[in-house]
Amino acid sequence: MKLSVVIPAYNEALNLPETLHAFYGALAENNIEHELLVVNDNSKDNTIEVITELQKEMPTLRTVFNSPPQNGFGFAVRKGLESYSGDCVAIVMADMSDSPEDLVKFYRTLVEQKVDCVFGSRFMKGGTVVDYPKNKLFLNRFVNNMIALVFRIRYYDVTNAFKMYTKPAMDGLKPFLSPHFNLTVELPLKAIVRGYTYTVLPNSWKNRKHGTSNLKIKEMGSRYFFIVLYCLIEKFFSRGDFKKKH
């Protein structure tokens, strides 16, 4: 089963070498057929030159361009989800906040358990966070616990971007609505509401070494609320129209 790793990148030239070397090394060492798909989100730095150099030593690395005017995290990820070639797909951050070892673990779990999705949780037993911004931590825990309560699920890290999906599952989540970071909430909630099977594994997260996150909490509140409300309406009022076809 071929794994595609979608990596959105906006001005990540300083982070990409470490990230790509780490993930390529882990996947190659474990003999996992894969592609590393970097989505260049109209970067203003030398991201393209960095990727071009890295392609000389990583035959599974390729890139696609997310052209203006539809730029931003959500649009970049969606571009990757329209362009990958694997049998399953994971979304990984370019800043090395995610763990290559976790990716291998998620892949093996997806294959061995034959589930549609594997979701990461940074705050369950076995999960770790390093240098997590304190101003975001309380809000993260409140929002995720409220989502779990409202949807009656036992998954408490829905906003975590680190997840893996089979191609049939990802295709079943279309069309995508979110153009921003709320895509990280849309994908798992749709998967759960639509009846796709999933398991939750602990994963680690550490803060970036270079640059600053593009996530702006004040701008995202209403957008997260919109997508949560949409998925809630689908759960209770769609009468199963979007359910997984068995």
C-alpha atoms as a PDB file:
ATOM      1  CA  MET A   1       0.000   0.000   0.000  1.00  0.00           C
ATOM      2  CA  LYS A   2       1.569   3.251  -1.141  1.00  0.00           C
ATOM      3  CA  LEU A   3       1.570   6.128   1.345  1.00  0.00           C
ATOM      4  CA  SER A   4       1.390   9.741   0.225  1.00  0.00           C
ATOM      5  CA  VAL A   5       2.600  12.380   2.679  1.00  0.00           C
ATOM      6  CA  VAL A   6       1.093  15.801   1.943  1.00  0.00           C
ATOM      7  CA  ILE A   7       3.228  18.635   3.322  1.00  0.00           C
ATOM      8  CA  PRO A   8       1.880  22.200   2.923  1.00  0.00           C
ATOM      9  CA  ALA A   9       4.709  24.742   2.856  1.00  0.00           C
ATOM     10  CA  TYR A  10       4.677  28.519   2.970  1.00  0.00           C
ATOM     11  CA  ASN A  11       8.129  30.077   3.461  1.00  0.00           C
ATOM     12  CA  GLU A  12       9.497  26.895   5.041  1.00  0.00           C
ATOM     13  CA  ALA A  13      12.925  26.844   3.369  1.00  0.00           C
ATOM     14  CA  LEU A  14      14.703  26.673   6.742  1.00  0.00           C
ATOM     15  CA  ASN A  15      12.552  23.805   8.032  1.00  0.00           C
ATOM     16  CA  LEU A  16      12.097  21.622   4.948  1.00  0.00           C
ATOM     17  CA  PRO A  17      15.579  20.014   4.791  1.00  0.00           C
ATOM     18  CA  GLU A  18      15.351  18.579   8.307  1.00  0.00           C
ATOM     19  CA  THR A  19      11.710  17.581   7.892  1.00  0.00           C
ATOM     20  CA  LEU A  20      12.113  15.874   4.520  1.00  0.00           C
ATOM     21  CA  HIS A  21      15.339  14.095   5.465  1.00  0.00           C
ATOM     22  CA  ALA A  22      13.702  12.775   8.629  1.00  0.00           C
ATOM     23  CA  PHE A  23      10.521  11.498   6.983  1.00  0.00           C
ATOM     24  CA  TYR A  24      12.267  10.136   3.904  1.00  0.00           C
ATOM     25  CA  GLY A  25      14.776   8.315   6.087  1.00  0.00           C
ATOM     26  CA  ALA A  26      12.127   6.745   8.311  1.00  0.00           C
ATOM     27  CA  LEU A  27       9.950   5.587   5.420  1.00  0.00           C
ATOM     28  CA  ALA A  28      12.874   4.243   3.392  1.00  0.00           C
ATOM     29  CA  GLU A  29      14.336   2.450   6.400  1.00  0.00           C
ATOM     30  CA  ASN A  30      11.002   0.700   6.988  1.00  0.00           C
ATOM     31  CA  ASN A  31      10.582  -0.184   3.294  1.00  0.00           C
ATOM     32  CA  ILE A  32       7.326   1.737   2.993  1.00  0.00           C
ATOM     33  CA  GLU A  33       6.396   2.619  -0.578  1.00  0.00           C
ATOM     34  CA  HIS A  34       5.668   6.322  -0.505  1.00  0.00           C
ATOM     35  CA  GLU A  35       5.783   9.782  -1.991  1.00  0.00           C
ATOM     36  CA  LEU A  36       6.586  13.028  -0.210  1.00  0.00           C
ATOM     37  CA  LEU A  37       4.350  15.663  -1.781  1.00  0.00           C
ATOM     38  CA  VAL A  38       5.270  19.220  -0.843  1.00  0.00           C
ATOM     39  CA  VAL A  39       2.617  21.789  -1.725  1.00  0.00           C
ATOM     40  CA  ASN A  40       4.376  25.105  -2.300  1.00  0.00           C
ATOM     41  CA  ASP A  41       1.835  27.678  -1.137  1.00  0.00           C
ATOM     42  CA  ASN A  42       3.133  30.668  -3.132  1.00  0.00           C
ATOM     43  CA  SER A  43       6.228  30.956  -0.924  1.00  0.00           C
ATOM     44  CA  LYS A  44       8.239  34.169  -1.035  1.00  0.00           C
ATOM     45  CA  ASP A  45      11.520  32.622   0.139  1.00  0.00           C
ATOM     46  CA  ASN A  46      13.729  30.059  -1.609  1.00  0.00           C
ATOM     47  CA  THR A  47      11.473  27.080  -0.886  1.00  0.00           C
ATOM     48  CA  ILE A  48      11.519  26.021  -4.553  1.00  0.00           C
ATOM     49  CA  GLU A  49      15.307  25.995  -4.730  1.00  0.00           C
ATOM     50  CA  VAL A  50      15.519  23.974  -1.531  1.00  0.00           C
ATOM     51  CA  ILE A  51      13.072  21.360  -2.845  1.00  0.00           C
ATOM     52  CA  THR A  52      14.888  21.158  -6.185  1.00  0.00           C
ATOM     53  CA  GLU A  53      18.181  20.389  -4.417  1.00  0.00           C
ATOM     54  CA  LEU A  54      16.579  17.825  -2.131  1.00  0.00           C
ATOM     55  CA  GLN A  55      14.991  16.015  -5.067  1.00  0.00           C
ATOM     56  CA  LYS A  56      18.484  15.055  -6.229  1.00  0.00           C
ATOM     57  CA  GLU A  57      18.835  12.767  -3.204  1.00  0.00           C
ATOM     58  CA  MET A  58      15.182  11.856  -2.582  1.00  0.00           C
ATOM     59  CA  PRO A  59      13.590  10.147  -5.597  1.00  0.00           C
ATOM     60  CA  THR A  60      10.181  10.003  -3.903  1.00  0.00           C
ATOM     61  CA  LEU A  61      10.009  13.777  -3.373  1.00  0.00           C
ATOM     62  CA  ARG A  62       7.820  15.822  -5.674  1.00  0.00           C
ATOM     63  CA  THR A  63       6.100  19.177  -5.468  1.00  0.00           C
ATOM     64  CA  VAL A  64       2.950  20.877  -6.695  1.00  0.00           C
ATOM     65  CA  PHE A  65       2.123  24.578  -6.686  1.00  0.00           C
ATOM     66  CA  ASN A  66      -0.841  26.153  -4.971  1.00  0.00           C
ATOM     67  CA  SER A  67      -1.226  29.249  -7.116  1.00  0.00           C
ATOM     68  CA  PRO A  68      -2.850  32.575  -6.144  1.00  0.00           C
ATOM     69  CA  PRO A  69      -5.376  33.734  -5.250  1.00  0.00           C
ATOM     70  CA  GLN A  70      -6.455  30.657  -3.287  1.00  0.00           C
ATOM     71  CA  ASN A  71      -3.552  30.523  -0.875  1.00  0.00           C
ATOM     72  CA  GLY A  72      -3.466  29.527   2.754  1.00  0.00           C
ATOM     73  CA  PHE A  73      -3.152  26.330   4.783  1.00  0.00           C
ATOM     74  CA  GLY A  74      -6.518  24.821   3.886  1.00  0.00           C
ATOM     75  CA  PHE A  75      -6.231  25.518   0.180  1.00  0.00           C
ATOM     76  CA  ALA A  76      -2.665  24.141   0.152  1.00  0.00           C
ATOM     77  CA  VAL A  77      -3.707  20.901   1.835  1.00  0.00           C
ATOM     78  CA  ARG A  78      -6.676  20.596  -0.510  1.00  0.00           C
ATOM     79  CA  LYS A  79      -4.319  21.005  -3.472  1.00  0.00           C
ATOM     80  CA  GLY A  80      -2.260  18.140  -2.101  1.00  0.00           C
ATOM     81  CA  LEU A  81      -5.363  16.018  -1.574  1.00  0.00           C
ATOM     82  CA  GLU A  82      -6.263  16.563  -5.224  1.00  0.00           C
ATOM     83  CA  SER A  83      -2.768  15.618  -6.399  1.00  0.00           C
ATOM     84  CA  TYR A  84      -1.481  12.652  -4.383  1.00  0.00           C
ATOM     85  CA  SER A  85      -1.023   9.232  -5.960  1.00  0.00           C
ATOM     86  CA  GLY A  86      -1.006   6.865  -2.980  1.00  0.00           C
ATOM     87  CA  ASP A  87      -3.473   4.327  -1.606  1.00  0.00           C
ATOM     88  CA  CYS A  88      -3.527   6.256   1.652  1.00  0.00           C
ATOM     89  CA  VAL A  89      -2.564   9.768   2.650  1.00  0.00           C
ATOM     90  CA  ALA A  90      -1.248  11.585   5.711  1.00  0.00           C
ATOM     91  CA  ILE A  91      -0.987  15.310   6.358  1.00  0.00           C
ATOM     92  CA  VAL A  92       2.314  16.374   7.908  1.00  0.00           C
ATOM     93  CA  MET A  93       3.572  19.818   8.884  1.00  0.00           C
ATOM     94  CA  ALA A  94       6.678  21.216   7.193  1.00  0.00           C
ATOM     95  CA  ASP A  95       8.120  22.558  10.441  1.00  0.00           C
ATOM     96  CA  MET A  96       9.144  19.189  11.931  1.00  0.00           C
ATOM     97  CA  SER A  97       6.482  19.426  14.622  1.00  0.00           C
ATOM     98  CA  ASP A  98       5.331  15.900  13.716  1.00  0.00           C
ATOM     99  CA  SER A  99       7.277  12.688  14.257  1.00  0.00           C
ATOM    100  CA  PRO A 100       8.472  10.335  11.479  1.00  0.00           C
ATOM    101  CA  GLU A 101       8.270   7.426  13.918  1.00  0.00           C
ATOM    102  CA  ASP A 102       4.606   8.252  14.533  1.00  0.00           C
ATOM    103  CA  LEU A 103       3.968   8.254  10.783  1.00  0.00           C
ATOM    104  CA  VAL A 104       5.411   4.747  10.468  1.00  0.00           C
ATOM    105  CA  LYS A 105       3.300   3.620  13.436  1.00  0.00           C
ATOM    106  CA  PHE A 106       0.146   5.113  11.922  1.00  0.00           C
ATOM    107  CA  TYR A 107       0.818   3.437   8.576  1.00  0.00           C
ATOM    108  CA  ARG A 108       1.346   0.014  10.113  1.00  0.00           C
ATOM    109  CA  THR A 109      -1.805   0.390  12.186  1.00  0.00           C
ATOM    110  CA  LEU A 110      -3.846   1.405   9.129  1.00  0.00           C
ATOM    111  CA  VAL A 111      -2.610  -1.639   7.206  1.00  0.00           C
ATOM    112  CA  GLU A 112      -2.801  -4.187  10.025  1.00  0.00           C
ATOM    113  CA  GLN A 113      -6.145  -3.136  11.508  1.00  0.00           C
ATOM    114  CA  LYS A 114      -7.719  -2.425   8.096  1.00  0.00           C
ATOM    115  CA  VAL A 115      -9.350   0.776   9.337  1.00  0.00           C
ATOM    116  CA  ASP A 116     -10.278   3.751   7.158  1.00  0.00           C
ATOM    117  CA  CYS A 117      -8.521   6.359   9.301  1.00  0.00           C
ATOM    118  CA  VAL A 118      -5.904   6.716  12.015  1.00  0.00           C
ATOM    119  CA  PHE A 119      -6.196   9.833  14.172  1.00  0.00           C
ATOM    120  CA  GLY A 120      -3.468  11.244  16.365  1.00  0.00           C
ATOM    121  CA  SER A 121      -3.959  12.478  19.914  1.00  0.00           C
ATOM    122  CA  ARG A 122      -1.258  14.539  21.601  1.00  0.00           C
ATOM    123  CA  PHE A 123      -2.930  14.579  24.992  1.00  0.00           C
ATOM    124  CA  MET A 124      -3.866  10.939  25.605  1.00  0.00           C
ATOM    125  CA  LYS A 125      -1.608   8.521  27.478  1.00  0.00           C
ATOM    126  CA  GLY A 126       1.584   8.101  25.467  1.00  0.00           C
ATOM    127  CA  GLY A 127       1.224  11.417  23.639  1.00  0.00           C
ATOM    128  CA  THR A 128       3.593  14.314  24.234  1.00  0.00           C
ATOM    129  CA  VAL A 129       3.812  18.022  23.494  1.00  0.00           C
ATOM    130  CA  VAL A 130       7.000  20.074  23.683  1.00  0.00           C
ATOM    131  CA  ASP A 131       6.950  23.845  24.049  1.00  0.00           C
ATOM    132  CA  TYR A 132       3.229  24.100  23.323  1.00  0.00           C
ATOM    133  CA  PRO A 133       2.191  27.789  23.507  1.00  0.00           C
ATOM    134  CA  LYS A 134       0.443  28.340  26.845  1.00  0.00           C
ATOM    135  CA  ASN A 135      -2.084  30.762  25.366  1.00  0.00           C
ATOM    136  CA  LYS A 136      -3.257  28.036  22.990  1.00  0.00           C
ATOM    137  CA  LEU A 137      -3.268  25.116  25.421  1.00  0.00           C
ATOM    138  CA  PHE A 138      -6.339  26.050  27.473  1.00  0.00           C
ATOM    139  CA  LEU A 139      -8.308  26.949  24.357  1.00  0.00           C
ATOM    140  CA  ASN A 140      -7.242  23.704  22.656  1.00  0.00           C
ATOM    141  CA  ARG A 141      -8.391  21.554  25.560  1.00  0.00           C
ATOM    142  CA  PHE A 142     -11.691  23.413  25.948  1.00  0.00           C
ATOM    143  CA  VAL A 143     -12.585  23.283  22.247  1.00  0.00           C
ATOM    144  CA  ASN A 144     -11.636  19.630  21.785  1.00  0.00           C
ATOM    145  CA  ASN A 145     -13.486  18.488  24.885  1.00  0.00           C
ATOM    146  CA  MET A 146     -16.589  20.403  23.816  1.00  0.00           C
ATOM    147  CA  ILE A 147     -16.456  18.820  20.350  1.00  0.00           C
ATOM    148  CA  ALA A 148     -16.163  15.353  21.890  1.00  0.00           C
ATOM    149  CA  LEU A 149     -19.129  16.071  24.164  1.00  0.00           C
ATOM    150  CA  VAL A 150     -21.378  17.481  21.437  1.00  0.00           C
ATOM    151  CA  PHE A 151     -20.606  14.706  18.935  1.00  0.00           C
ATOM    152  CA  ARG A 152     -20.644  11.990  21.622  1.00  0.00           C
ATOM    153  CA  ILE A 153     -17.260  10.641  20.630  1.00  0.00           C
ATOM    154  CA  ARG A 154     -14.228   9.557  22.638  1.00  0.00           C
ATOM    155  CA  TYR A 155     -11.675  11.476  20.628  1.00  0.00           C
ATOM    156  CA  TYR A 156     -10.301  14.564  22.332  1.00  0.00           C
ATOM    157  CA  ASP A 157      -7.846  16.029  19.815  1.00  0.00           C
ATOM    158  CA  VAL A 158      -9.924  16.664  16.703  1.00  0.00           C
ATOM    159  CA  THR A 159      -7.968  19.850  15.877  1.00  0.00           C
ATOM    160  CA  ASN A 160      -4.736  17.846  15.610  1.00  0.00           C
ATOM    161  CA  ALA A 161      -3.663  17.921  11.949  1.00  0.00           C
ATOM    162  CA  PHE A 162      -1.668  14.681  12.149  1.00  0.00           C
ATOM    163  CA  LYS A 163      -3.985  12.033  10.719  1.00  0.00           C
ATOM    164  CA  MET A 164      -4.019   9.333   8.032  1.00  0.00           C
ATOM    165  CA  TYR A 165      -6.803   8.252   5.657  1.00  0.00           C
ATOM    166  CA  THR A 166      -7.267   5.590   3.019  1.00  0.00           C
ATOM    167  CA  LYS A 167      -7.988   6.921  -0.457  1.00  0.00           C
ATOM    168  CA  PRO A 168     -11.605   5.638  -0.448  1.00  0.00           C
ATOM    169  CA  ALA A 169     -12.180   7.405   2.869  1.00  0.00           C
ATOM    170  CA  MET A 170     -10.652  10.660   1.664  1.00  0.00           C
ATOM    171  CA  ASP A 171     -12.701  10.514  -1.531  1.00  0.00           C
ATOM    172  CA  GLY A 172     -15.796   9.975   0.606  1.00  0.00           C
ATOM    173  CA  LEU A 173     -15.181  13.240   2.491  1.00  0.00           C
ATOM    174  CA  LYS A 174     -15.441  15.420  -0.607  1.00  0.00           C
ATOM    175  CA  PRO A 175     -16.301  18.117  -1.426  1.00  0.00           C
ATOM    176  CA  PHE A 176     -14.081  19.974   1.014  1.00  0.00           C
ATOM    177  CA  LEU A 177     -15.471  23.177   2.473  1.00  0.00           C
ATOM    178  CA  SER A 178     -12.682  24.631   4.606  1.00  0.00           C
ATOM    179  CA  PRO A 179     -10.129  27.018   3.072  1.00  0.00           C
ATOM    180  CA  HIS A 180      -8.226  27.524   6.332  1.00  0.00           C
ATOM    181  CA  PHE A 181      -6.957  25.587   9.371  1.00  0.00           C
ATOM    182  CA  ASN A 182     -10.508  24.423  10.069  1.00  0.00           C
ATOM    183  CA  LEU A 183      -9.885  21.756   7.422  1.00  0.00           C
ATOM    184  CA  THR A 184      -8.143  19.802  10.190  1.00  0.00           C
ATOM    185  CA  VAL A 185     -11.522  19.627  11.955  1.00  0.00           C
ATOM    186  CA  GLU A 186     -13.645  19.070   8.871  1.00  0.00           C
ATOM    187  CA  LEU A 187     -11.857  15.918   7.738  1.00  0.00           C
ATOM    188  CA  PRO A 188     -12.081  13.812  10.938  1.00  0.00           C
ATOM    189  CA  LEU A 189     -15.575  14.972  11.887  1.00  0.00           C
ATOM    190  CA  LYS A 190     -16.902  14.139   8.434  1.00  0.00           C
ATOM    191  CA  ALA A 191     -15.169  10.750   8.588  1.00  0.00           C
ATOM    192  CA  ILE A 192     -16.757   9.975  11.960  1.00  0.00           C
ATOM    193  CA  VAL A 193     -20.212  11.270  11.028  1.00  0.00           C
ATOM    194  CA  ARG A 194     -20.163   9.384   7.724  1.00  0.00           C
ATOM    195  CA  GLY A 195     -19.352   6.065   9.361  1.00  0.00           C
ATOM    196  CA  TYR A 196     -15.730   5.510   8.379  1.00  0.00           C
ATOM    197  CA  THR A 197     -13.814   3.285  10.762  1.00  0.00           C
ATOM    198  CA  TYR A 198     -10.987   4.794  12.755  1.00  0.00           C
ATOM    199  CA  THR A 199      -8.589   4.234  15.596  1.00  0.00           C
ATOM    200  CA  VAL A 200      -6.833   6.796  17.782  1.00  0.00           C
ATOM    201  CA  LEU A 201      -3.121   6.597  18.575  1.00  0.00           C
ATOM    202  CA  PRO A 202      -0.946   8.845  20.728  1.00  0.00           C
ATOM    203  CA  ASN A 203       1.426  11.090  18.830  1.00  0.00           C
ATOM    204  CA  SER A 204       4.069  13.633  19.739  1.00  0.00           C
ATOM    205  CA  TRP A 205       4.235  17.308  18.832  1.00  0.00           C
ATOM    206  CA  LYS A 206       7.007  19.845  19.261  1.00  0.00           C
ATOM    207  CA  ASN A 207       7.123  23.521  18.457  1.00  0.00           C
ATOM    208  CA  ARG A 208       8.908  24.730  15.329  1.00  0.00           C
ATOM    209  CA  LYS A 209      12.553  25.799  15.367  1.00  0.00           C
ATOM    210  CA  HIS A 210      12.318  28.404  12.605  1.00  0.00           C
ATOM    211  CA  GLY A 211       9.669  30.932  11.642  1.00  0.00           C
ATOM    212  CA  THR A 212       6.221  31.468  13.127  1.00  0.00           C
ATOM    213  CA  SER A 213       2.969  29.577  12.809  1.00  0.00           C
ATOM    214  CA  ASN A 214       0.431  30.930  10.329  1.00  0.00           C
ATOM    215  CA  LEU A 215      -2.471  30.009  12.609  1.00  0.00           C
ATOM    216  CA  LYS A 216      -4.251  33.130  13.910  1.00  0.00           C
ATOM    217  CA  ILE A 217      -6.611  32.132  16.720  1.00  0.00           C
ATOM    218  CA  LYS A 218      -8.745  35.297  16.615  1.00  0.00           C
ATOM    219  CA  GLU A 219      -9.376  34.843  12.899  1.00  0.00           C
ATOM    220  CA  MET A 220     -10.193  31.135  13.160  1.00  0.00           C
ATOM    221  CA  GLY A 221     -12.818  31.041  15.920  1.00  0.00           C
ATOM    222  CA  SER A 222     -15.869  31.605  13.731  1.00  0.00           C
ATOM    223  CA  ARG A 223     -14.460  29.365  10.992  1.00  0.00           C
ATOM    224  CA  TYR A 224     -13.997  26.456  13.405  1.00  0.00           C
ATOM    225  CA  PHE A 225     -17.509  27.057  14.719  1.00  0.00           C
ATOM    226  CA  PHE A 226     -18.925  27.037  11.192  1.00  0.00           C
ATOM    227  CA  ILE A 227     -17.396  23.686  10.249  1.00  0.00           C
ATOM    228  CA  VAL A 228     -18.313  22.075  13.578  1.00  0.00           C
ATOM    229  CA  LEU A 229     -21.899  23.297  13.122  1.00  0.00           C
ATOM    230  CA  TYR A 230     -21.971  22.004   9.547  1.00  0.00           C
ATOM    231  CA  CYS A 231     -20.826  18.536  10.623  1.00  0.00           C
ATOM    232  CA  LEU A 232     -23.310  18.563  13.499  1.00  0.00           C
ATOM    233  CA  ILE A 233     -26.154  19.373  11.116  1.00  0.00           C
ATOM    234  CA  GLU A 234     -25.028  16.570   8.829  1.00  0.00           C
ATOM    235  CA  LYS A 235     -24.902  14.151  11.765  1.00  0.00           C
ATOM    236  CA  PHE A 236     -28.463  14.781  12.911  1.00  0.00           C
ATOM    237  CA  PHE A 237     -30.321  15.899   9.794  1.00  0.00           C
ATOM    238  CA  SER A 238     -28.746  14.356   6.660  1.00  0.00           C
ATOM    239  CA  ARG A 239     -30.658  11.081   7.155  1.00  0.00           C
ATOM    240  CA  GLY A 240     -27.550   9.102   6.231  1.00  0.00           C
ATOM    241  CA  ASP A 241     -27.253  10.479   2.718  1.00  0.00           C
ATOM    242  CA  PHE A 242     -23.462  10.802   3.021  1.00  0.00           C
ATOM    243  CA  LYS A 243     -22.790   7.600   4.936  1.00  0.00           C
ATOM    244  CA  LYS A 244     -20.017   5.233   3.906  1.00  0.00           C
ATOM    245  CA  LYS A 245     -21.264   2.753   1.330  1.00  0.00           C
ATOM    246  CA  HIS A 246     -20.496  -0.780   2.489  1.00  0.00           C
END
